[in-house]
Amino acid sequence: MTLSPLTAISPIDGRYRRTTEELAAYFSEYALIKYRVFIEVEYFIALCESGIPQLKHFDGSLNKKLRGIYADFDLEDAQWIKDKEKETNHDVKAVEYFLKDRFEALGLTKSLEFIHFGLTSQDINNTAIPYAWKEALSKIYLPALKALITALEQRATEWNDIPMLARTHGQPASPTRLGKEIRVFTERLTNQVQLLEHLPHAAKFGGATGNFNAHRVAYPDMDWITFGNDFVNSTLGLNRSQTTTQIEHYDYFAAQCDAMKRINTILIDLCRDIWTYISMDYFKQKITAGQIGSSAMPHKVNPIDFENAEGNLGIANALLEHLAAKLPVSRLQRDLTDSTVLRNTGVPMAHALIAIKSAARGLQKLILNEAALRNDLEQNWAVVAEAIQTILRREGYPKPYEALKALTRTNEAVTQDTIAAFVETLNVNEEIKTELKSITPWNYTGI
C-alpha cells in the first residue's frame, strides 16, 4: 500500500498526522539527513576559517553558496542520498558523497577530501540530533506547552473566587477555591518548564574515539579542542562534552527526558482531576453539533479530550523512560544500540504534543456548573468543624476537637441548623457564637 495517513502503522503519522506534522521538519528521515548536511557544511566552513594551509584560499566568498546546499535542501536531494545509501550501506557516508557531488558542481574539486575531514559518523549524528531536538523543543513543544499553561492560568483567574469542596482521600475536606486548584498545576508546570529549559543540549565532537586522533596526526600544532568547542558551542549553539568515547554519553539528554516525564506526569494528574470534576458535574462540556458521544447512548458527552491526553502522555512517558535508561549505556567505546533508539526521539515528543493539544481543546470546552459546586458545599456543613474547633482552641475551650468529632462523625447529616444548635450549647460569649455561626462552607476557603 502507498504510505498515507490511512496506511501508516503509527497513529503519529496516521490518525494524528494533522496534529504532529509540524514535527516532521525535525524528526523525519528527511529532517535527519538535512541536519547532517547542515553540520557537514558548517564544519567545512569552520575548517576553512581555522588556518589550515590547504584551505587558506577560501576567503568566505563561497560561504553563501555552500550554505545554500542545506538552505535549499529538498526531498529530491534527500532521495539522492537515500539512493546512495543503498550502495554504501552507510547513511552518513552517503551524505559525504552527496556533498562531494555538490562541491564539484561549485568547482571545489581540490577541497573534496576536507568534507568530513577527520570525523566519524557520530560527530555528525551526535550534533545533528541534539540540534534538531533543541529546535523542536524551542519552536514546537515548549510553545504548545506554554500556551496550555497560559490557558490554565486564564481559567484560574476566571474561577479565582469560586468556592469548592475539597476532597482528601476522596472524602469531604476543608473547602478551597476552584481557581487555586487550577493554579496548583500552572505553578508545577511552570517550575518544571524552567528546569527543562536550563538543561544543556550536549553534543559529542572529537573523532573516532573522542580524542581528535585523526585531526592531531594531520595537524599536530592546531588546538583542536578549542576548535571543537568553538564549533559546537558557538557555531551550533550546543554544549560540547569534553571527554567522550565515540558517542555522546547522553546524560543531559536523559535528564531532559526525565524532565519531560515529570511534565507529562503533572499533566496526567491535571487530566484525571478535570475528568473527575466533569464526572461530579462541576463542569459541563460545550456540545458540537453533529458530534456523537456514544454509539448506543444518545445523551452522552464524554470527556474524551482529557482521556486522549492521558493515554498519549502514558505512551510518551514509557518511551522517555526507555530513552533515559538506555542511551547513557554503551559497551566500551561504542556499540550501535543507540543508533536505532535515537531515531525514535521524536516519537515521545509527538505523543506529548498530541496530549497537550488535546488537553487544551478539552479545556476550551469546559462550562462551569457553579450550582453543582455550591450544592456540594451545602450538603457538607461538617467541613466547618475544623474552623469551629480552631477558634475554640484559640479561646482556650476544653477539648474542642473531641466535641466537634462527636458532632460530625455520625451517619446523620450535618446541616447549618445542626451547627447553629451546637454553637448555642457552647460555654462562650455571644460575640464568639456570632463569629462561629458566620462560618459557612463557601466562605471558609482560606487565603
Protein backbone atom coordinates (compact mmCIF):
# COMPACT_ATOMS: atom_id res chain seq x y z
CA MET A 1 0.00 0.00 0.00
CA THR A 2 1.06 3.56 -0.63
CA LEU A 3 2.03 5.31 2.60
CA SER A 4 -0.62 7.78 3.71
CA PRO A 5 -2.33 8.76 6.98
CA LEU A 6 -4.70 5.84 6.31
CA THR A 7 -1.94 3.26 5.82
CA ALA A 8 0.64 4.49 8.34
CA ILE A 9 1.50 1.99 11.09
CA SER A 10 1.95 4.63 13.76
CA PRO A 11 -1.00 6.88 14.66
CA ILE A 12 1.50 9.73 14.85
CA ASP A 13 1.72 9.69 11.06
CA GLY A 14 -1.78 8.30 10.65
CA ARG A 15 -4.76 9.34 12.75
CA TYR A 16 -2.91 12.27 14.36
CA ARG A 17 -0.93 13.43 11.34
CA ARG A 18 -2.54 16.88 11.32
CA THR A 19 -1.59 17.33 14.97
CA THR A 20 2.01 16.19 14.67
CA GLU A 21 3.06 17.03 11.10
CA GLU A 22 4.99 20.12 12.22
CA LEU A 23 7.45 17.78 13.95
CA ALA A 24 8.35 16.17 10.61
CA ALA A 25 10.70 19.08 9.97
CA TYR A 26 12.80 17.91 12.93
CA PHE A 27 12.41 14.15 13.31
CA SER A 28 11.64 12.62 9.91
CA GLU A 29 14.27 10.76 7.89
CA TYR A 30 14.37 13.76 5.57
CA ALA A 31 14.96 16.09 8.52
CA LEU A 32 17.80 13.96 9.92
CA ILE A 33 19.52 13.92 6.54
CA LYS A 34 19.12 17.69 6.17
CA TYR A 35 20.56 18.35 9.63
CA ARG A 36 23.52 16.10 8.80
CA VAL A 37 24.14 18.13 5.64
CA PHE A 38 23.92 21.31 7.72
CA ILE A 39 26.55 20.05 10.19
CA GLU A 40 28.91 18.89 7.45
CA VAL A 41 28.73 22.20 5.57
CA GLU A 42 29.24 24.31 8.69
CA TYR A 43 32.14 22.08 9.72
CA PHE A 44 33.81 22.59 6.34
CA ILE A 45 33.38 26.37 6.64
CA ALA A 46 34.85 26.23 10.16
CA LEU A 47 37.86 24.31 8.82
CA CYS A 48 38.36 26.95 6.15
CA GLU A 49 38.42 29.62 8.88
CA SER A 50 40.76 27.63 11.13
CA GLY A 51 44.01 28.41 9.32
CA ILE A 52 44.60 25.01 7.71
CA PRO A 53 47.13 25.77 4.92
CA GLN A 54 45.33 23.76 2.25
CA LEU A 55 42.13 25.80 2.82
CA LYS A 56 43.63 29.28 3.19
CA HIS A 57 42.47 30.24 -0.29
CA PHE A 58 38.86 30.22 0.96
CA ASP A 59 38.03 33.81 1.85
CA GLY A 60 34.36 33.27 2.64
CA SER A 61 33.12 34.38 -0.76
CA LEU A 62 31.61 30.94 -1.37
CA ASN A 63 30.02 30.57 2.06
CA LYS A 64 26.63 31.73 0.84
CA LYS A 65 26.63 29.12 -1.91
CA LEU A 66 27.87 26.44 0.48
CA ARG A 67 25.12 27.26 2.97
CA GLY A 68 22.66 27.23 0.13
CA ILE A 69 23.25 23.47 -0.10
CA TYR A 70 21.39 22.94 3.15
CA ALA A 71 19.18 26.04 2.98
CA ASP A 72 17.72 24.85 -0.33
CA PHE A 73 17.82 21.16 0.56
CA ASP A 74 14.70 19.39 -0.68
CA LEU A 75 13.15 15.94 -0.96
CA GLU A 76 14.93 15.29 -4.24
CA ASP A 77 18.28 15.88 -2.54
CA ALA A 78 17.29 13.58 0.31
CA GLN A 79 16.31 10.89 -2.19
CA TRP A 80 19.73 11.24 -3.88
CA ILE A 81 21.32 10.45 -0.53
CA LYS A 82 18.96 7.54 0.18
CA ASP A 83 19.77 6.04 -3.22
CA LYS A 84 23.49 6.40 -2.49
CA GLU A 85 22.95 4.78 0.91
CA LYS A 86 21.69 1.66 -0.88
CA GLU A 87 25.15 1.36 -2.44
CA THR A 88 27.23 2.31 0.60
CA ASN A 89 25.03 0.75 3.29
CA HIS A 90 26.12 3.75 5.39
CA ASP A 91 23.87 6.76 5.87
CA VAL A 92 26.47 9.37 6.86
CA LYS A 93 28.91 8.28 4.13
CA ALA A 94 26.11 8.82 1.63
CA VAL A 95 25.80 12.41 2.90
CA GLU A 96 29.53 12.86 2.35
CA TYR A 97 29.25 11.66 -1.24
CA PHE A 98 26.28 13.99 -1.81
CA LEU A 99 28.34 16.95 -0.65
CA LYS A 100 31.28 15.95 -2.81
CA ASP A 101 28.93 15.93 -5.77
CA ARG A 102 27.63 19.41 -4.89
CA PHE A 103 31.14 20.74 -4.20
CA GLU A 104 32.31 19.53 -7.60
CA ALA A 105 29.43 21.45 -9.15
CA LEU A 106 30.78 24.56 -7.43
CA GLY A 107 34.27 23.89 -8.82
CA LEU A 108 35.75 22.86 -5.46
CA THR A 109 37.32 19.63 -6.67
CA LYS A 110 40.61 20.18 -4.81
CA SER A 111 38.82 20.54 -1.48
CA LEU A 112 36.65 17.42 -1.59
CA GLU A 113 38.67 15.46 0.96
CA PHE A 114 38.15 18.14 3.59
CA ILE A 115 34.47 17.22 3.66
CA HIS A 116 34.03 15.07 6.79
CA PHE A 117 37.76 15.54 7.46
CA GLY A 118 38.96 13.55 10.50
CA LEU A 119 35.41 12.79 11.63
CA THR A 120 33.44 9.69 12.44
CA SER A 121 29.74 9.43 11.70
CA GLN A 122 28.85 10.08 15.33
CA ASP A 123 30.46 13.52 15.19
CA ILE A 124 27.68 14.28 12.71
CA ASN A 125 24.86 12.33 14.34
CA ASN A 126 25.66 13.49 17.86
CA THR A 127 25.49 17.12 16.78
CA ALA A 128 22.68 16.90 14.20
CA ILE A 129 20.28 15.04 16.50
CA PRO A 130 20.66 17.28 19.59
CA TYR A 131 20.45 20.31 17.29
CA ALA A 132 17.16 19.04 15.83
CA TRP A 133 15.88 18.12 19.31
CA LYS A 134 16.72 21.60 20.62
CA GLU A 135 14.97 23.23 17.67
CA ALA A 136 11.83 21.11 18.10
CA LEU A 137 11.72 21.80 21.83
CA SER A 138 12.04 25.55 21.43
CA LYS A 139 9.85 26.00 18.35
CA ILE A 140 7.11 23.37 18.75
CA TYR A 141 6.92 21.60 22.11
CA LEU A 142 7.55 24.44 24.57
CA PRO A 143 5.30 26.98 22.79
CA ALA A 144 2.42 24.46 22.83
CA LEU A 145 3.02 23.64 26.49
CA LYS A 146 3.31 27.30 27.49
CA ALA A 147 0.10 28.08 25.61
CA LEU A 148 -1.65 25.40 27.67
CA ILE A 149 -0.22 26.85 30.88
CA THR A 150 -1.45 30.30 29.84
CA ALA A 151 -4.92 28.93 29.13
CA LEU A 152 -4.95 27.25 32.55
CA GLU A 153 -3.84 30.48 34.22
CA GLN A 154 -6.64 32.35 32.47
CA ARG A 155 -9.16 29.85 33.81
CA ALA A 156 -7.59 30.05 37.26
CA THR A 157 -8.09 33.82 37.21
CA GLU A 158 -11.65 33.46 35.92
CA TRP A 159 -12.51 30.96 38.67
CA ASN A 160 -10.39 32.57 41.37
CA ASP A 161 -13.29 33.28 43.76
CA ILE A 162 -15.38 30.17 43.11
CA PRO A 163 -15.62 28.20 46.39
CA MET A 164 -15.38 24.44 46.05
CA LEU A 165 -15.49 21.47 48.37
CA ALA A 166 -12.06 19.91 48.63
CA ARG A 167 -11.68 16.16 48.86
CA THR A 168 -8.80 14.39 50.54
CA HIS A 169 -8.81 10.59 50.38
CA GLY A 170 -11.97 11.09 48.32
CA GLN A 171 -13.80 12.44 51.38
CA PRO A 172 -15.11 15.99 52.02
CA ALA A 173 -12.36 18.25 53.38
CA SER A 174 -11.76 21.92 54.14
CA PRO A 175 -13.18 23.99 51.28
CA THR A 176 -10.92 25.54 48.68
CA ARG A 177 -11.34 27.67 45.56
CA LEU A 178 -11.50 26.30 42.06
CA GLY A 179 -9.07 28.88 40.70
CA LYS A 180 -6.49 27.99 43.31
CA GLU A 181 -6.74 24.28 42.48
CA ILE A 182 -6.09 25.04 38.81
CA ARG A 183 -3.20 27.29 39.78
CA VAL A 184 -1.60 24.35 41.59
CA PHE A 185 -0.97 22.90 38.13
CA THR A 186 0.22 26.12 36.49
CA GLU A 187 2.82 26.55 39.23
CA ARG A 188 4.00 22.95 38.98
CA LEU A 189 4.21 23.06 35.19
CA THR A 190 5.96 26.43 35.13
CA ASN A 191 8.60 25.22 37.58
CA GLN A 192 9.30 22.09 35.55
CA VAL A 193 9.47 24.04 32.28
CA GLN A 194 12.12 26.25 33.84
CA LEU A 195 14.13 23.18 34.83
CA LEU A 196 13.84 21.73 31.33
CA GLU A 197 14.92 24.97 29.70
CA HIS A 198 18.03 25.19 31.90
CA LEU A 199 19.34 21.76 30.89
CA PRO A 200 22.21 21.94 28.36
CA HIS A 201 21.93 20.36 24.93
CA ALA A 202 25.10 18.31 24.93
CA ALA A 203 26.89 17.12 21.80
CA LYS A 204 29.90 14.94 21.03
CA PHE A 205 32.59 16.10 18.60
CA GLY A 206 36.06 14.59 18.74
CA GLY A 207 36.74 11.93 16.13
CA ALA A 208 36.58 8.15 16.18
CA THR A 209 37.09 7.64 19.91
CA GLY A 210 36.74 11.21 21.15
CA ASN A 211 40.43 12.15 21.15
CA PHE A 212 40.79 14.06 17.85
CA ASN A 213 43.27 11.35 16.78
CA ALA A 214 42.98 11.97 13.05
CA HIS A 215 42.95 15.74 13.42
CA ARG A 216 46.01 15.70 15.65
CA VAL A 217 48.07 13.43 13.43
CA ALA A 218 47.33 15.59 10.37
CA TYR A 219 47.84 18.97 12.05
CA PRO A 220 49.65 18.46 15.37
CA ASP A 221 50.15 22.16 16.00
CA MET A 222 46.45 23.06 15.90
CA ASP A 223 44.41 23.44 19.10
CA TRP A 224 41.68 21.02 18.14
CA ILE A 225 39.92 21.12 21.50
CA THR A 226 39.43 24.87 21.19
CA PHE A 227 38.33 24.38 17.58
CA GLY A 228 35.78 21.74 18.60
CA ASN A 229 34.47 23.87 21.45
CA ASP A 230 34.10 26.93 19.23
CA PHE A 231 32.37 24.95 16.50
CA VAL A 232 29.89 23.12 18.72
CA ASN A 233 29.26 25.84 21.31
CA SER A 234 29.41 28.99 19.21
CA THR A 235 28.51 27.93 15.68
CA LEU A 236 25.90 25.31 16.59
CA GLY A 237 24.75 26.69 19.94
CA LEU A 238 25.16 23.33 21.67
CA ASN A 239 27.41 22.27 24.58
CA ARG A 240 30.37 20.12 23.60
CA SER A 241 31.04 17.26 26.01
CA GLN A 242 34.78 17.38 26.72
CA THR A 243 35.61 13.74 27.45
CA THR A 244 33.74 11.14 25.41
CA THR A 245 34.01 7.81 23.65
CA GLN A 246 32.92 7.57 20.02
CA ILE A 247 29.48 8.76 21.07
CA GLU A 248 27.85 11.39 23.27
CA HIS A 249 27.17 9.99 26.73
CA TYR A 250 23.56 11.31 26.62
CA ASP A 251 23.46 12.18 30.31
CA TYR A 252 21.93 15.61 29.73
CA PHE A 253 19.56 14.18 27.14
CA ALA A 254 18.45 11.61 29.71
CA ALA A 255 17.87 14.48 32.15
CA GLN A 256 15.71 16.20 29.52
CA CYS A 257 13.71 13.00 29.09
CA ASP A 258 13.23 12.83 32.85
CA ALA A 259 12.15 16.49 32.92
CA MET A 260 9.60 15.84 30.19
CA LYS A 261 8.37 12.79 32.08
CA ARG A 262 7.69 14.95 35.14
CA ILE A 263 5.82 17.46 33.00
CA ASN A 264 3.77 14.64 31.49
CA THR A 265 3.05 13.20 34.93
CA ILE A 266 1.75 16.57 36.11
CA LEU A 267 -0.43 16.76 33.00
CA ILE A 268 -1.79 13.27 33.72
CA ASP A 269 -2.66 14.46 37.23
CA LEU A 270 -4.42 17.51 35.74
CA CYS A 271 -6.37 15.43 33.22
CA ARG A 272 -7.56 13.00 35.89
CA ASP A 273 -8.67 15.81 38.18
CA ILE A 274 -10.64 17.60 35.47
CA TRP A 275 -12.10 14.27 34.34
CA THR A 276 -13.27 13.72 37.91
CA TYR A 277 -14.73 17.23 38.18
CA ILE A 278 -16.68 16.56 34.97
CA SER A 279 -17.98 13.28 36.41
CA MET A 280 -19.07 15.22 39.54
CA ASP A 281 -20.98 17.65 37.29
CA TYR A 282 -18.77 20.57 38.33
CA PHE A 283 -18.21 21.13 34.63
CA LYS A 284 -20.49 20.73 31.66
CA GLN A 285 -18.96 20.48 28.19
CA LYS A 286 -19.73 22.51 25.11
CA ILE A 287 -21.68 20.48 22.60
CA THR A 288 -20.55 20.47 18.98
CA ALA A 289 -23.38 19.95 16.51
CA GLY A 290 -23.18 16.61 14.73
CA GLN A 291 -20.72 15.01 17.13
CA ILE A 292 -21.62 11.79 18.94
CA GLY A 293 -20.54 10.77 22.43
CA SER A 294 -21.68 7.16 22.36
CA SER A 295 -22.85 4.85 19.61
CA ALA A 296 -25.53 3.49 21.96
CA MET A 297 -26.37 6.26 24.46
CA PRO A 298 -27.52 9.43 22.71
CA HIS A 299 -27.26 11.64 25.81
CA LYS A 300 -23.54 11.22 26.42
CA VAL A 301 -20.92 13.94 26.07
CA ASN A 302 -17.71 12.20 27.10
CA PRO A 303 -14.51 13.90 28.39
CA ILE A 304 -12.59 12.33 25.52
CA ASP A 305 -10.03 15.12 25.16
CA PHE A 306 -8.68 14.55 28.66
CA GLU A 307 -8.82 10.77 28.21
CA ASN A 308 -6.94 11.04 24.92
CA ALA A 309 -4.36 13.27 26.55
CA GLU A 310 -3.86 10.89 29.46
CA GLY A 311 -3.35 7.92 27.14
CA ASN A 312 -0.81 9.70 24.96
CA LEU A 313 1.07 11.04 27.97
CA GLY A 314 1.41 7.48 29.24
CA ILE A 315 2.87 6.29 25.94
CA ALA A 316 5.24 9.27 25.86
CA ASN A 317 6.47 8.51 29.38
CA ALA A 318 7.09 4.85 28.60
CA LEU A 319 9.30 5.87 25.64
CA LEU A 320 11.04 8.65 27.57
CA GLU A 321 11.79 6.16 30.33
CA HIS A 322 13.47 3.85 27.83
CA LEU A 323 15.45 6.66 26.20
CA ALA A 324 16.68 7.92 29.57
CA ALA A 325 17.63 4.44 30.78
CA LYS A 326 19.14 3.06 27.57
CA LEU A 327 21.05 5.85 25.85
CA PRO A 328 23.64 6.56 28.59
CA VAL A 329 24.70 2.90 28.47
CA SER A 330 27.08 1.72 25.71
CA ARG A 331 29.64 -1.09 25.62
CA LEU A 332 33.23 0.16 25.90
CA GLN A 333 33.91 2.93 23.37
CA ARG A 334 30.72 2.37 21.39
CA ASP A 335 28.06 -0.09 20.32
CA LEU A 336 25.33 0.52 17.77
CA THR A 337 22.27 0.17 20.01
CA ASP A 338 21.92 3.93 20.41
CA SER A 339 21.57 4.43 16.65
CA THR A 340 18.14 2.89 16.19
CA VAL A 341 16.93 4.23 19.53
CA LEU A 342 17.87 7.81 18.61
CA ARG A 343 15.69 7.57 15.53
CA ASN A 344 12.72 7.46 17.92
CA THR A 345 13.42 10.66 19.85
CA GLY A 346 10.60 12.44 18.05
CA VAL A 347 8.03 9.78 18.95
CA PRO A 348 7.55 10.65 22.65
CA MET A 349 7.56 14.36 21.81
CA ALA A 350 4.84 13.69 19.24
CA HIS A 351 2.68 11.82 21.74
CA ALA A 352 3.23 14.61 24.27
CA LEU A 353 2.25 17.19 21.65
CA ILE A 354 -0.93 15.26 20.85
CA ALA A 355 -1.73 15.24 24.57
CA ILE A 356 -1.02 18.93 25.10
CA LYS A 357 -3.20 19.96 22.19
CA SER A 358 -5.94 17.56 23.27
CA ALA A 359 -5.94 18.89 26.85
CA ALA A 360 -6.05 22.46 25.53
CA ARG A 361 -9.01 21.55 23.34
CA GLY A 362 -10.80 19.95 26.30
CA LEU A 363 -10.14 22.99 28.45
CA GLN A 364 -11.87 25.21 25.91
CA LYS A 365 -14.99 23.04 26.11
CA LEU A 366 -15.46 23.37 29.88
CA ILE A 367 -18.53 25.19 31.16
CA LEU A 368 -18.55 25.87 34.89
CA ASN A 369 -21.63 24.49 36.66
CA GLU A 370 -21.44 26.69 39.74
CA ALA A 371 -24.71 25.37 41.09
CA ALA A 372 -23.24 21.89 41.46
CA LEU A 373 -20.25 23.22 43.39
CA ARG A 374 -22.49 25.23 45.72
CA ASN A 375 -24.82 22.27 46.26
CA ASP A 376 -21.86 20.06 47.20
CA LEU A 377 -20.81 22.61 49.78
CA GLU A 378 -24.38 22.91 51.10
CA GLN A 379 -24.51 19.16 51.63
CA ASN A 380 -21.28 19.15 53.63
CA TRP A 381 -21.59 21.58 56.52
CA ALA A 382 -19.45 19.22 58.57
CA VAL A 383 -16.36 20.72 56.91
CA VAL A 384 -16.68 23.87 59.04
CA ALA A 385 -15.92 21.75 62.12
CA GLU A 386 -12.21 22.40 61.65
CA ALA A 387 -12.82 26.15 61.72
CA ILE A 388 -15.00 26.00 64.83
CA GLN A 389 -12.63 23.83 66.82
CA THR A 390 -9.67 26.02 65.85
CA ILE A 391 -11.38 29.16 67.15
CA LEU A 392 -12.33 27.29 70.32
CA ARG A 393 -8.67 26.29 70.73
CA ARG A 394 -7.79 29.96 70.40
CA GLU A 395 -10.23 30.74 73.20
CA GLY A 396 -8.87 28.00 75.47
CA TYR A 397 -12.08 25.97 75.30
CA PRO A 398 -11.59 22.46 76.78
CA LYS A 399 -11.30 19.59 74.29
CA PRO A 400 -12.85 21.34 71.26
CA TYR A 401 -11.61 18.70 68.78
CA GLU A 402 -13.35 15.93 70.68
CA ALA A 403 -16.56 17.95 70.89
CA LEU A 404 -16.66 18.52 67.13
CA LYS A 405 -15.68 14.94 66.44
CA ALA A 406 -18.68 13.73 68.41
CA LEU A 407 -20.91 16.11 66.48
CA THR A 408 -19.72 15.38 62.97
CA ARG A 409 -18.61 11.75 62.86
CA THR A 410 -22.08 10.25 62.67
CA ASN A 411 -24.16 8.88 59.87
CA GLU A 412 -26.66 11.70 60.30
CA ALA A 413 -26.48 14.74 58.04
CA VAL A 414 -24.79 17.80 59.47
CA THR A 415 -26.60 20.94 58.36
CA GLN A 416 -26.44 24.65 59.01
CA ASP A 417 -29.07 24.19 61.70
CA THR A 418 -27.07 21.37 63.30
CA ILE A 419 -24.02 23.60 63.52
CA ALA A 420 -26.03 26.56 64.86
CA ALA A 421 -27.63 24.39 67.53
CA PHE A 422 -24.25 23.04 68.57
CA VAL A 423 -22.79 26.53 68.84
CA GLU A 424 -25.62 27.52 71.18
CA THR A 425 -24.58 24.76 73.60
CA LEU A 426 -21.04 26.10 73.91
CA ASN A 427 -19.98 27.96 77.03
CA VAL A 428 -18.62 31.00 75.19
CA ASN A 429 -19.79 34.59 74.93
CA GLU A 430 -22.24 35.83 72.30
CA GLU A 431 -19.53 37.52 70.26
CA ILE A 432 -17.74 34.20 69.80
CA LYS A 433 -21.01 32.44 69.00
CA THR A 434 -21.74 35.04 66.29
CA GLU A 435 -18.24 34.53 64.90
CA LEU A 436 -18.73 30.76 64.78
CA LYS A 437 -22.16 30.98 63.16
CA SER A 438 -20.78 33.25 60.44
CA ILE A 439 -18.55 30.43 59.14
CA THR A 440 -20.01 28.65 56.11
CA PRO A 441 -18.67 26.04 53.68
CA TRP A 442 -18.38 28.70 50.96
CA ASN A 443 -16.56 31.37 52.97
CA TYR A 444 -14.19 29.02 54.82
CA THR A 445 -11.76 28.85 51.91
CA GLY A 446 -8.53 30.18 53.42
CA ILE A 447 -6.17 32.62 51.74
